[in-house]
Amino acid sequence: MGRVSEDEVLLLWRALSAFRSGPSPECAPRGRGGRSACPLARACPRWAEPDDYRSSLEEDPASTERRRARWPCSRLLDLLGPETTRIGR
């Protein structure tokens, strides 16, 4: 179990947020077979739903938040905060 600083947690949070955000996120399935660089992709309902970026422009913020809360990376981001000092059990 590794100890982490508040700055390291912030960097991880920013990297994960950037990886999953925008009109063409890095976690999107690409190429033949639709492989994703995200290790959480197999458990993610995001790619079986309509396009997130377009949906977020058309729906109310509460609906967007509820939909995104089902994504594994959203749950992980919720766990990361300044009070996080250990990664592991």
Protein backbone atom coordinates (compact mmCIF):
# COMPACT_ATOMS: atom_id res chain seq x y z
CA MET A 1 0.00 0.00 0.00
CA GLY A 2 1.57 3.25 -1.11
CA ARG A 3 1.24 6.61 0.55
CA VAL A 4 0.39 9.55 -1.65
CA SER A 5 0.53 13.28 -1.18
CA GLU A 6 -2.33 15.70 -1.80
CA ASP A 7 -0.50 16.92 -4.94
CA GLU A 8 -0.20 13.37 -6.30
CA VAL A 9 -3.92 12.76 -5.76
CA LEU A 10 -4.72 16.03 -7.56
CA LEU A 11 -2.51 15.04 -10.50
CA LEU A 12 -4.22 11.64 -10.72
CA TRP A 13 -7.65 13.28 -10.55
CA ARG A 14 -6.73 15.73 -13.32
CA ALA A 15 -5.28 13.00 -15.53
CA LEU A 16 -8.35 10.78 -15.13
CA SER A 17 -10.69 13.73 -15.75
CA ALA A 18 -8.84 14.69 -18.94
CA PHE A 19 -8.68 11.06 -20.13
CA ARG A 20 -12.48 10.69 -20.00
CA SER A 21 -13.57 14.19 -21.07
CA GLY A 22 -14.32 16.13 -24.22
CA PRO A 23 -15.94 15.41 -27.56
CA SER A 24 -13.40 12.68 -28.37
CA PRO A 25 -12.16 11.22 -25.05
CA GLU A 26 -9.05 9.07 -24.90
CA CYS A 27 -11.03 6.28 -23.22
CA ALA A 28 -13.23 5.84 -26.31
CA PRO A 29 -12.98 2.52 -28.16
CA ARG A 30 -10.87 2.90 -31.30
CA GLY A 31 -9.78 0.88 -34.31
CA ARG A 32 -10.71 -2.65 -35.23
CA GLY A 33 -12.52 -4.46 -32.50
CA GLY A 34 -13.27 -1.21 -30.67
CA ARG A 35 -10.48 -1.52 -28.12
CA SER A 36 -10.18 1.12 -25.44
CA ALA A 37 -7.06 2.28 -23.61
CA CYS A 38 -9.13 2.43 -20.43
CA PRO A 39 -8.78 -0.53 -18.05
CA LEU A 40 -12.35 0.11 -16.85
CA ALA A 41 -13.93 0.03 -20.34
CA ARG A 42 -15.42 -3.47 -20.09
CA ALA A 43 -17.49 -2.49 -17.05
CA CYS A 44 -18.49 0.90 -18.45
CA PRO A 45 -22.03 1.47 -19.77
CA ARG A 46 -20.91 4.70 -21.46
CA TRP A 47 -20.21 3.17 -24.85
CA ALA A 48 -23.56 1.36 -25.07
CA GLU A 49 -25.41 4.68 -24.66
CA PRO A 50 -25.86 7.62 -27.04
CA ASP A 51 -22.87 9.96 -27.42
CA ASP A 52 -22.16 11.62 -24.05
CA TYR A 53 -20.91 14.92 -25.41
CA ARG A 54 -23.98 15.47 -27.58
CA SER A 55 -26.34 14.23 -24.88
CA SER A 56 -24.87 16.66 -22.36
CA LEU A 57 -25.64 19.55 -24.71
CA GLU A 58 -29.30 18.51 -25.01
CA GLU A 59 -30.27 17.30 -21.53
CA ASP A 60 -30.55 19.07 -18.20
CA PRO A 61 -27.50 19.00 -15.88
CA ALA A 62 -29.18 16.66 -13.36
CA SER A 63 -29.77 14.03 -16.05
CA THR A 64 -26.18 14.32 -17.24
CA GLU A 65 -24.91 13.89 -13.69
CA ARG A 66 -27.09 10.82 -13.05
CA ARG A 67 -25.98 9.19 -16.30
CA ARG A 68 -22.30 9.87 -15.69
CA ALA A 69 -22.51 8.63 -12.09
CA ARG A 70 -22.94 5.07 -13.44
CA TRP A 71 -19.51 5.14 -15.09
CA PRO A 72 -16.73 3.34 -13.13
CA CYS A 73 -14.36 6.29 -13.60
CA SER A 74 -16.93 8.63 -12.01
CA ARG A 75 -17.03 6.46 -8.93
CA LEU A 76 -13.22 6.46 -8.86
CA LEU A 77 -13.10 10.26 -9.19
CA ASP A 78 -15.55 10.53 -6.28
CA LEU A 79 -13.12 8.53 -4.12
CA LEU A 80 -10.16 10.74 -4.97
CA GLY A 81 -9.92 13.84 -2.85
CA PRO A 82 -7.53 15.79 -0.64
CA GLU A 83 -8.27 13.39 2.23
CA THR A 84 -6.96 10.42 0.19
CA THR A 85 -3.60 9.42 1.62
CA ARG A 86 -3.32 5.76 0.65
CA ILE A 87 -3.79 3.84 -2.58
CA GLY A 88 -4.65 0.18 -1.94
CA ARG A 89 -6.06 -1.71 1.02
